[in-house]
Amino acid sequence: MKHLFLTVAVVAIVFSACGNKKQEINKNTGITNSSIKTTETNSSEKLTKALFVEKVWDFTKSPNDWKYLGNKPAIIDFYADWCGPCKIASPILDEVGEEYAGKILVYKINTDQERELAQVFGITGIPAFLYIPANGKPVMMSGIGRSKEETKKMFIENIEKYLLVKK
């Protein structure tokens, strides 16, 4: 009986310790259940197929001829709600979008809800980011940095290199 009680007590302590460790990790990374939702903000807009065809590129009329319909450079964030790296990248991209407000547009496409758009661009891994200059061909990139700082730096460098380049 003592062994059973001791075993149950040890298992309870182990589970309790593991639960506390998870909370500490969340505190250290700054990621909480309320902050990991990918949401639309003032600096970003969620796109459906209909909005994409209206604002970005009407691939139904010209599937082989890229013609950007926007008047400012843009980034499209291809994401899914269940994707951990997407949950990290989303608020960082929102922050960068606010810093570049008036210079670029930030769009988001949920690949689970807009499968056709993901297929048009051959999205096989997320997060993926389509950098669309005002004139010229778009550039697709995927993944994030090893930290929030590296991810923000990646976005800024790509915006400067592909979207705000002076010709």
N, C-alpha and C. Protein backbone atom coordinates (compact mmCIF):
# COMPACT_ATOMS: atom_id res chain seq x y z
N MET A 1 0.82 -1.19 0.00
CA MET A 1 0.00 0.00 0.00
C MET A 1 0.86 1.25 0.00
N LYS A 2 1.97 1.21 0.78
CA LYS A 2 2.88 2.36 0.82
C LYS A 2 3.52 2.60 -0.54
N HIS A 3 3.85 1.51 -1.24
CA HIS A 3 4.45 1.64 -2.56
C HIS A 3 3.46 2.27 -3.55
N LEU A 4 2.22 1.89 -3.48
CA LEU A 4 1.19 2.46 -4.34
C LEU A 4 1.03 3.95 -4.07
N PHE A 5 0.96 4.31 -2.78
CA PHE A 5 0.83 5.71 -2.41
C PHE A 5 2.05 6.51 -2.86
N LEU A 6 3.23 5.95 -2.66
CA LEU A 6 4.47 6.61 -3.04
C LEU A 6 4.55 6.79 -4.56
N THR A 7 4.14 5.78 -5.32
CA THR A 7 4.14 5.84 -6.78
C THR A 7 3.18 6.93 -7.27
N VAL A 8 1.99 6.96 -6.72
CA VAL A 8 1.00 7.97 -7.11
C VAL A 8 1.52 9.37 -6.76
N ALA A 9 2.13 9.53 -5.62
CA ALA A 9 2.67 10.83 -5.21
C ALA A 9 3.79 11.28 -6.16
N VAL A 10 4.69 10.38 -6.53
CA VAL A 10 5.79 10.72 -7.45
C VAL A 10 5.23 11.11 -8.82
N VAL A 11 4.27 10.34 -9.32
CA VAL A 11 3.67 10.65 -10.62
C VAL A 11 2.99 12.02 -10.58
N ALA A 12 2.27 12.32 -9.49
CA ALA A 12 1.61 13.62 -9.35
C ALA A 12 2.62 14.75 -9.33
N ILE A 13 3.72 14.57 -8.65
CA ILE A 13 4.77 15.60 -8.59
C ILE A 13 5.40 15.80 -9.96
N VAL A 14 5.66 14.72 -10.68
CA VAL A 14 6.26 14.83 -12.01
C VAL A 14 5.33 15.58 -12.95
N PHE A 15 4.04 15.23 -12.97
CA PHE A 15 3.09 15.92 -13.84
C PHE A 15 2.95 17.38 -13.44
N SER A 16 2.96 17.65 -12.16
CA SER A 16 2.86 19.03 -11.68
C SER A 16 4.08 19.83 -12.11
N ALA A 17 5.26 19.25 -11.99
CA ALA A 17 6.49 19.94 -12.38
C ALA A 17 6.52 20.19 -13.88
N CYS A 18 6.08 19.23 -14.67
CA CYS A 18 6.05 19.41 -16.12
C CYS A 18 5.06 20.50 -16.51
N GLY A 19 3.94 20.55 -15.87
CA GLY A 19 2.96 21.61 -16.15
C GLY A 19 3.51 22.99 -15.84
N ASN A 20 4.24 23.14 -14.74
CA ASN A 20 4.83 24.43 -14.39
C ASN A 20 5.92 24.81 -15.38
N LYS A 21 6.69 23.84 -15.85
CA LYS A 21 7.75 24.14 -16.80
C LYS A 21 7.16 24.69 -18.09
N LYS A 22 6.06 24.16 -18.56
CA LYS A 22 5.42 24.65 -19.78
C LYS A 22 5.01 26.10 -19.61
N GLN A 23 4.49 26.46 -18.47
CA GLN A 23 4.09 27.84 -18.23
C GLN A 23 5.31 28.74 -18.23
N GLU A 24 6.44 28.28 -17.67
CA GLU A 24 7.65 29.09 -17.68
C GLU A 24 8.15 29.30 -19.10
N ILE A 25 8.09 28.28 -19.92
CA ILE A 25 8.52 28.42 -21.31
C ILE A 25 7.67 29.48 -21.99
N ASN A 26 6.37 29.43 -21.77
CA ASN A 26 5.50 30.43 -22.37
C ASN A 26 5.85 31.83 -21.89
N LYS A 27 6.18 31.97 -20.61
CA LYS A 27 6.56 33.29 -20.08
C LYS A 27 7.86 33.76 -20.72
N ASN A 28 8.81 32.86 -20.89
CA ASN A 28 10.10 33.22 -21.46
C ASN A 28 10.01 33.59 -22.93
N THR A 29 9.15 32.91 -23.69
CA THR A 29 9.04 33.20 -25.11
C THR A 29 8.08 34.33 -25.39
N GLY A 30 7.26 34.66 -24.39
CA GLY A 30 6.30 35.73 -24.60
C GLY A 30 5.08 35.27 -25.37
N ILE A 31 4.96 33.97 -25.59
CA ILE A 31 3.84 33.45 -26.35
C ILE A 31 2.82 32.89 -25.36
N THR A 32 1.62 33.45 -25.38
CA THR A 32 0.56 32.97 -24.52
C THR A 32 -0.60 32.50 -25.39
N ASN A 33 -1.54 31.82 -24.78
CA ASN A 33 -2.68 31.34 -25.54
C ASN A 33 -3.44 32.48 -26.20
N SER A 34 -3.49 33.63 -25.55
CA SER A 34 -4.22 34.75 -26.13
C SER A 34 -3.42 35.48 -27.19
N SER A 35 -2.08 35.33 -27.19
CA SER A 35 -1.28 36.08 -28.15
C SER A 35 -0.89 35.26 -29.38
N ILE A 36 -1.26 33.99 -29.45
CA ILE A 36 -0.82 33.19 -30.57
C ILE A 36 -1.87 33.07 -31.66
N LYS A 37 -2.99 33.71 -31.51
CA LYS A 37 -3.99 33.66 -32.55
C LYS A 37 -3.61 34.60 -33.68
N THR A 38 -3.72 34.11 -34.92
CA THR A 38 -3.42 34.93 -36.08
C THR A 38 -4.69 35.72 -36.39
N THR A 39 -4.61 37.03 -36.19
CA THR A 39 -5.78 37.86 -36.39
C THR A 39 -5.48 39.00 -37.34
N GLU A 40 -6.53 39.56 -37.86
CA GLU A 40 -6.41 40.72 -38.72
C GLU A 40 -6.21 41.95 -37.84
N THR A 41 -5.32 42.82 -38.22
CA THR A 41 -5.08 44.05 -37.47
C THR A 41 -5.24 45.23 -38.39
N ASN A 42 -4.99 46.43 -37.87
CA ASN A 42 -5.04 47.62 -38.70
C ASN A 42 -3.97 47.58 -39.78
N SER A 43 -2.90 46.85 -39.54
CA SER A 43 -1.80 46.82 -40.51
C SER A 43 -1.90 45.64 -41.48
N SER A 44 -2.87 44.74 -41.29
CA SER A 44 -2.99 43.59 -42.19
C SER A 44 -4.45 43.32 -42.51
N GLU A 45 -4.64 42.62 -43.62
CA GLU A 45 -5.99 42.29 -44.06
C GLU A 45 -6.03 40.83 -44.49
N LYS A 46 -7.01 40.10 -44.01
CA LYS A 46 -7.18 38.70 -44.38
C LYS A 46 -7.85 38.65 -45.76
N LEU A 47 -7.28 37.83 -46.64
CA LEU A 47 -7.79 37.72 -48.00
C LEU A 47 -8.51 36.40 -48.24
N THR A 48 -9.64 36.49 -48.90
CA THR A 48 -10.32 35.34 -49.47
C THR A 48 -9.95 35.30 -50.95
N LYS A 49 -10.38 34.27 -51.65
CA LYS A 49 -10.10 34.20 -53.09
C LYS A 49 -10.69 35.42 -53.79
N ALA A 50 -11.92 35.78 -53.46
CA ALA A 50 -12.58 36.92 -54.11
C ALA A 50 -11.79 38.22 -53.90
N LEU A 51 -11.33 38.46 -52.67
CA LEU A 51 -10.55 39.67 -52.39
C LEU A 51 -9.19 39.61 -53.07
N PHE A 52 -8.58 38.43 -53.10
CA PHE A 52 -7.28 38.27 -53.75
C PHE A 52 -7.39 38.63 -55.23
N VAL A 53 -8.40 38.10 -55.90
CA VAL A 53 -8.60 38.36 -57.33
C VAL A 53 -8.87 39.85 -57.58
N GLU A 54 -9.50 40.50 -56.64
CA GLU A 54 -9.82 41.92 -56.78
C GLU A 54 -8.63 42.82 -56.46
N LYS A 55 -7.84 42.47 -55.45
CA LYS A 55 -6.80 43.37 -54.95
C LYS A 55 -5.37 43.02 -55.36
N VAL A 56 -5.13 41.75 -55.68
CA VAL A 56 -3.75 41.33 -55.91
C VAL A 56 -3.52 40.90 -57.36
N TRP A 57 -4.16 39.83 -57.79
CA TRP A 57 -3.93 39.28 -59.13
C TRP A 57 -5.13 38.44 -59.52
N ASP A 58 -5.70 38.74 -60.67
CA ASP A 58 -6.82 37.95 -61.16
C ASP A 58 -6.29 36.78 -61.99
N PHE A 59 -5.91 35.74 -61.28
CA PHE A 59 -5.34 34.56 -61.94
C PHE A 59 -6.39 33.78 -62.71
N THR A 60 -7.67 34.06 -62.48
CA THR A 60 -8.72 33.37 -63.23
C THR A 60 -8.77 33.87 -64.67
N LYS A 61 -8.43 35.14 -64.89
CA LYS A 61 -8.43 35.72 -66.24
C LYS A 61 -7.08 35.58 -66.93
N SER A 62 -6.01 35.68 -66.16
CA SER A 62 -4.67 35.59 -66.76
C SER A 62 -3.77 34.71 -65.89
N PRO A 63 -3.99 33.38 -65.93
CA PRO A 63 -3.24 32.48 -65.05
C PRO A 63 -1.74 32.43 -65.34
N ASN A 64 -1.33 32.78 -66.54
CA ASN A 64 0.09 32.70 -66.90
C ASN A 64 0.76 34.07 -66.99
N ASP A 65 0.03 35.12 -66.66
CA ASP A 65 0.57 36.48 -66.79
C ASP A 65 0.36 37.23 -65.48
N TRP A 66 1.44 37.37 -64.69
CA TRP A 66 1.36 38.08 -63.41
C TRP A 66 1.14 39.56 -63.66
N LYS A 67 0.07 40.10 -63.08
CA LYS A 67 -0.20 41.53 -63.16
C LYS A 67 -0.73 41.96 -61.81
N TYR A 68 0.13 42.60 -61.02
CA TYR A 68 -0.25 43.06 -59.69
C TYR A 68 -1.26 44.20 -59.81
N LEU A 69 -2.35 44.08 -59.09
CA LEU A 69 -3.43 45.06 -59.16
C LEU A 69 -3.33 46.15 -58.10
N GLY A 70 -2.44 45.99 -57.16
CA GLY A 70 -2.31 46.96 -56.07
C GLY A 70 -1.50 48.18 -56.47
N ASN A 71 -1.59 49.20 -55.63
CA ASN A 71 -0.85 50.43 -55.90
C ASN A 71 0.34 50.61 -54.96
N LYS A 72 0.53 49.70 -54.01
CA LYS A 72 1.67 49.71 -53.09
C LYS A 72 2.25 48.31 -53.03
N PRO A 73 3.55 48.21 -52.75
CA PRO A 73 4.13 46.88 -52.56
C PRO A 73 3.40 46.14 -51.43
N ALA A 74 3.44 44.83 -51.46
CA ALA A 74 2.69 44.04 -50.47
C ALA A 74 3.45 42.78 -50.07
N ILE A 75 3.09 42.29 -48.89
CA ILE A 75 3.54 40.98 -48.41
C ILE A 75 2.28 40.16 -48.16
N ILE A 76 2.29 38.93 -48.62
CA ILE A 76 1.20 38.01 -48.30
C ILE A 76 1.77 36.94 -47.39
N ASP A 77 1.16 36.78 -46.23
CA ASP A 77 1.53 35.77 -45.24
C ASP A 77 0.59 34.58 -45.44
N PHE A 78 1.12 33.46 -45.93
CA PHE A 78 0.36 32.22 -46.05
C PHE A 78 0.55 31.46 -44.74
N TYR A 79 -0.54 31.21 -44.03
CA TYR A 79 -0.45 30.63 -42.68
C TYR A 79 -1.59 29.65 -42.45
N ALA A 80 -1.53 28.99 -41.30
CA ALA A 80 -2.64 28.16 -40.79
C ALA A 80 -2.72 28.39 -39.29
N ASP A 81 -3.92 28.31 -38.76
CA ASP A 81 -4.13 28.57 -37.33
C ASP A 81 -3.38 27.58 -36.43
N TRP A 82 -3.14 26.37 -36.90
CA TRP A 82 -2.49 25.34 -36.09
C TRP A 82 -0.97 25.39 -36.16
N CYS A 83 -0.42 26.22 -37.03
CA CYS A 83 1.03 26.26 -37.30
C CYS A 83 1.77 27.09 -36.26
N GLY A 84 2.64 26.45 -35.48
CA GLY A 84 3.41 27.14 -34.45
C GLY A 84 4.26 28.29 -34.97
N PRO A 85 5.11 28.06 -35.99
CA PRO A 85 5.91 29.17 -36.52
C PRO A 85 5.05 30.31 -37.09
N CYS A 86 3.88 29.96 -37.64
CA CYS A 86 2.97 30.99 -38.15
C CYS A 86 2.48 31.88 -37.01
N LYS A 87 2.21 31.27 -35.87
CA LYS A 87 1.73 32.02 -34.70
C LYS A 87 2.81 32.95 -34.17
N ILE A 88 4.06 32.58 -34.36
CA ILE A 88 5.16 33.44 -33.94
C ILE A 88 5.33 34.58 -34.94
N ALA A 89 5.28 34.26 -36.24
CA ALA A 89 5.53 35.25 -37.29
C ALA A 89 4.42 36.30 -37.39
N SER A 90 3.18 35.91 -37.16
CA SER A 90 2.05 36.81 -37.39
C SER A 90 2.13 38.13 -36.63
N PRO A 91 2.31 38.12 -35.31
CA PRO A 91 2.37 39.41 -34.63
C PRO A 91 3.62 40.22 -34.99
N ILE A 92 4.69 39.54 -35.35
CA ILE A 92 5.91 40.25 -35.77
C ILE A 92 5.65 40.95 -37.10
N LEU A 93 5.02 40.24 -38.03
CA LEU A 93 4.70 40.85 -39.32
C LEU A 93 3.72 42.00 -39.15
N ASP A 94 2.76 41.86 -38.24
CA ASP A 94 1.84 42.96 -37.94
C ASP A 94 2.60 44.20 -37.45
N GLU A 95 3.55 43.97 -36.56
CA GLU A 95 4.36 45.07 -36.02
C GLU A 95 5.17 45.75 -37.13
N VAL A 96 5.80 44.95 -37.98
CA VAL A 96 6.58 45.50 -39.08
C VAL A 96 5.65 46.24 -40.06
N GLY A 97 4.47 45.68 -40.29
CA GLY A 97 3.50 46.34 -41.16
C GLY A 97 3.11 47.72 -40.63
N GLU A 98 2.97 47.83 -39.32
CA GLU A 98 2.66 49.13 -38.72
C GLU A 98 3.82 50.10 -38.88
N GLU A 99 5.05 49.59 -38.78
CA GLU A 99 6.23 50.45 -38.96
C GLU A 99 6.34 50.95 -40.40
N TYR A 100 5.86 50.17 -41.35
CA TYR A 100 5.92 50.55 -42.76
C TYR A 100 4.55 51.00 -43.28
N ALA A 101 3.66 51.38 -42.39
CA ALA A 101 2.31 51.82 -42.78
C ALA A 101 2.41 52.95 -43.81
N GLY A 102 1.60 52.85 -44.85
CA GLY A 102 1.62 53.85 -45.91
C GLY A 102 2.61 53.52 -47.02
N LYS A 103 3.54 52.60 -46.74
CA LYS A 103 4.56 52.23 -47.73
C LYS A 103 4.29 50.85 -48.33
N ILE A 104 3.76 49.93 -47.50
CA ILE A 104 3.48 48.57 -47.97
C ILE A 104 2.11 48.13 -47.45
N LEU A 105 1.59 47.09 -48.06
CA LEU A 105 0.36 46.44 -47.60
C LEU A 105 0.72 45.05 -47.08
N VAL A 106 0.02 44.61 -46.05
CA VAL A 106 0.23 43.26 -45.50
C VAL A 106 -1.09 42.51 -45.59
N TYR A 107 -1.05 41.39 -46.30
CA TYR A 107 -2.22 40.53 -46.45
C TYR A 107 -1.92 39.18 -45.80
N LYS A 108 -2.99 38.50 -45.40
CA LYS A 108 -2.86 37.16 -44.81
C LYS A 108 -3.84 36.22 -45.49
N ILE A 109 -3.35 35.03 -45.79
CA ILE A 109 -4.20 34.01 -46.41
C ILE A 109 -4.08 32.73 -45.59
N ASN A 110 -5.21 32.28 -45.06
CA ASN A 110 -5.27 31.03 -44.31
C ASN A 110 -5.30 29.88 -45.32
N THR A 111 -4.24 29.09 -45.35
CA THR A 111 -4.11 28.04 -46.36
C THR A 111 -5.13 26.90 -46.16
N ASP A 112 -5.65 26.76 -44.95
CA ASP A 112 -6.68 25.74 -44.73
C ASP A 112 -8.02 26.19 -45.31
N GLN A 113 -8.29 27.47 -45.27
CA GLN A 113 -9.55 27.99 -45.78
C GLN A 113 -9.49 28.35 -47.26
N GLU A 114 -8.31 28.71 -47.73
CA GLU A 114 -8.13 29.14 -49.13
C GLU A 114 -7.13 28.23 -49.83
N ARG A 115 -7.50 26.96 -49.94
CA ARG A 115 -6.61 25.96 -50.52
C ARG A 115 -6.24 26.27 -51.98
N GLU A 116 -7.19 26.80 -52.72
CA GLU A 116 -6.91 27.11 -54.13
C GLU A 116 -5.81 28.16 -54.26
N LEU A 117 -5.83 29.17 -53.41
CA LEU A 117 -4.78 30.19 -53.46
C LEU A 117 -3.42 29.59 -53.09
N ALA A 118 -3.41 28.70 -52.11
CA ALA A 118 -2.16 28.04 -51.75
C ALA A 118 -1.64 27.20 -52.93
N GLN A 119 -2.54 26.54 -53.65
CA GLN A 119 -2.14 25.73 -54.80
C GLN A 119 -1.62 26.59 -55.95
N VAL A 120 -2.21 27.75 -56.16
CA VAL A 120 -1.77 28.64 -57.23
C VAL A 120 -0.30 28.99 -57.07
N PHE A 121 0.15 29.16 -55.82
CA PHE A 121 1.53 29.53 -55.56
C PHE A 121 2.41 28.33 -55.16
N GLY A 122 1.84 27.14 -55.20
CA GLY A 122 2.61 25.94 -54.89
C GLY A 122 3.09 25.88 -53.45
N ILE A 123 2.28 26.38 -52.53
CA ILE A 123 2.64 26.39 -51.12
C ILE A 123 2.63 24.96 -50.60
N THR A 124 3.79 24.49 -50.16
CA THR A 124 3.88 23.15 -49.58
C THR A 124 4.31 23.20 -48.13
N GLY A 125 4.80 24.34 -47.68
CA GLY A 125 5.22 24.50 -46.29
C GLY A 125 4.88 25.91 -45.83
N ILE A 126 4.51 26.02 -44.56
CA ILE A 126 4.17 27.32 -44.00
C ILE A 126 4.94 27.54 -42.72
N PRO A 127 5.18 28.77 -42.34
CA PRO A 127 4.70 29.98 -42.99
C PRO A 127 5.49 30.25 -44.28
N ALA A 128 4.78 30.84 -45.23
CA ALA A 128 5.39 31.27 -46.49
C ALA A 128 4.98 32.71 -46.72
N PHE A 129 5.88 33.47 -47.32
CA PHE A 129 5.65 34.90 -47.50
C PHE A 129 5.93 35.28 -48.95
N LEU A 130 4.94 35.91 -49.57
CA LEU A 130 5.08 36.38 -50.94
C LEU A 130 5.33 37.88 -50.89
N TYR A 131 6.51 38.29 -51.34
CA TYR A 131 6.88 39.71 -51.39
C TYR A 131 6.54 40.21 -52.79
N ILE A 132 5.63 41.19 -52.86
CA ILE A 132 5.14 41.68 -54.15
C ILE A 132 5.56 43.13 -54.33
N PRO A 133 6.53 43.39 -55.22
CA PRO A 133 6.89 44.78 -55.48
C PRO A 133 5.77 45.46 -56.29
N ALA A 134 5.73 46.78 -56.25
CA ALA A 134 4.71 47.51 -57.00
C ALA A 134 4.83 47.20 -58.49
N ASN A 135 6.06 47.04 -58.96
CA ASN A 135 6.33 46.68 -60.36
C ASN A 135 7.33 45.54 -60.36
N GLY A 136 7.06 44.53 -61.13
CA GLY A 136 7.97 43.40 -61.18
C GLY A 136 7.34 42.12 -60.67
N LYS A 137 8.15 41.10 -60.66
CA LYS A 137 7.68 39.77 -60.27
C LYS A 137 7.78 39.58 -58.75
N PRO A 138 6.84 38.84 -58.18
CA PRO A 138 6.90 38.56 -56.74
C PRO A 138 7.99 37.55 -56.40
N VAL A 139 8.39 37.56 -55.13
CA VAL A 139 9.40 36.64 -54.62
C VAL A 139 8.79 35.88 -53.44
N MET A 140 8.87 34.55 -53.50
CA MET A 140 8.34 33.70 -52.43
C MET A 140 9.46 33.26 -51.51
N MET A 141 9.21 33.35 -50.20
CA MET A 141 10.15 32.85 -49.20
C MET A 141 9.35 32.12 -48.14
N SER A 142 10.04 31.25 -47.40
CA SER A 142 9.33 30.54 -46.34
C SER A 142 10.21 30.45 -45.10
N GLY A 143 9.56 30.17 -43.98
CA GLY A 143 10.26 30.01 -42.72
C GLY A 143 10.43 31.31 -41.96
N ILE A 144 10.93 31.17 -40.73
CA ILE A 144 11.16 32.33 -39.87
C ILE A 144 12.56 32.21 -39.26
N GLY A 145 12.98 33.27 -38.57
CA GLY A 145 14.27 33.25 -37.90
C GLY A 145 14.25 32.39 -36.65
N ARG A 146 15.41 32.26 -36.02
CA ARG A 146 15.52 31.44 -34.81
C ARG A 146 14.98 32.14 -33.58
N SER A 147 14.75 33.45 -33.69
CA SER A 147 14.20 34.22 -32.57
C SER A 147 13.25 35.27 -33.13
N LYS A 148 12.55 35.92 -32.24
CA LYS A 148 11.66 37.00 -32.67
C LYS A 148 12.47 38.12 -33.33
N GLU A 149 13.63 38.42 -32.77
CA GLU A 149 14.47 39.48 -33.31
C GLU A 149 14.96 39.13 -34.71
N GLU A 150 15.39 37.89 -34.91
CA GLU A 150 15.86 37.46 -36.23
C GLU A 150 14.72 37.47 -37.24
N THR A 151 13.52 37.09 -36.80
CA THR A 151 12.37 37.08 -37.69
C THR A 151 12.02 38.51 -38.11
N LYS A 152 12.02 39.42 -37.17
CA LYS A 152 11.73 40.83 -37.51
C LYS A 152 12.80 41.37 -38.46
N LYS A 153 14.05 41.05 -38.19
CA LYS A 153 15.15 41.50 -39.06
C LYS A 153 14.97 40.93 -40.46
N MET A 154 14.56 39.67 -40.57
CA MET A 154 14.32 39.03 -41.86
C MET A 154 13.25 39.79 -42.64
N PHE A 155 12.14 40.10 -41.99
CA PHE A 155 11.07 40.84 -42.66
C PHE A 155 11.57 42.19 -43.16
N ILE A 156 12.26 42.92 -42.30
CA ILE A 156 12.74 44.27 -42.65
C ILE A 156 13.72 44.19 -43.82
N GLU A 157 14.67 43.26 -43.76
CA GLU A 157 15.64 43.12 -44.84
C GLU A 157 14.96 42.78 -46.16
N ASN A 158 13.98 41.89 -46.13
CA ASN A 158 13.28 41.50 -47.36
C ASN A 158 12.41 42.64 -47.89
N ILE A 159 11.79 43.39 -47.00
CA ILE A 159 11.01 44.55 -47.43
C ILE A 159 11.92 45.55 -48.13
N GLU A 160 13.05 45.84 -47.52
CA GLU A 160 13.99 46.81 -48.11
C GLU A 160 14.56 46.28 -49.43
N LYS A 161 14.86 45.00 -49.49
CA LYS A 161 15.49 44.41 -50.68
C LYS A 161 14.52 44.22 -51.85
N TYR A 162 13.30 43.74 -51.55
CA TYR A 162 12.38 43.37 -52.63
C TYR A 162 11.25 44.37 -52.86
N LEU A 163 10.85 45.10 -51.83
CA LEU A 163 9.67 45.95 -51.97
C LEU A 163 9.99 47.44 -52.10
N LEU A 164 10.97 47.91 -51.39
CA LEU A 164 11.24 49.34 -51.37
C LEU A 164 12.52 49.71 -52.12
N VAL A 165 12.97 48.81 -52.96
CA VAL A 165 14.18 49.04 -53.73
C VAL A 165 13.95 50.21 -54.70
N LYS A 166 14.91 51.10 -54.76
CA LYS A 166 14.82 52.26 -55.66
C LYS A 166 15.46 51.87 -56.99
N LYS A 167 14.73 52.09 -58.07
CA LYS A 167 15.25 51.72 -59.40
C LYS A 167 15.56 52.95 -60.20
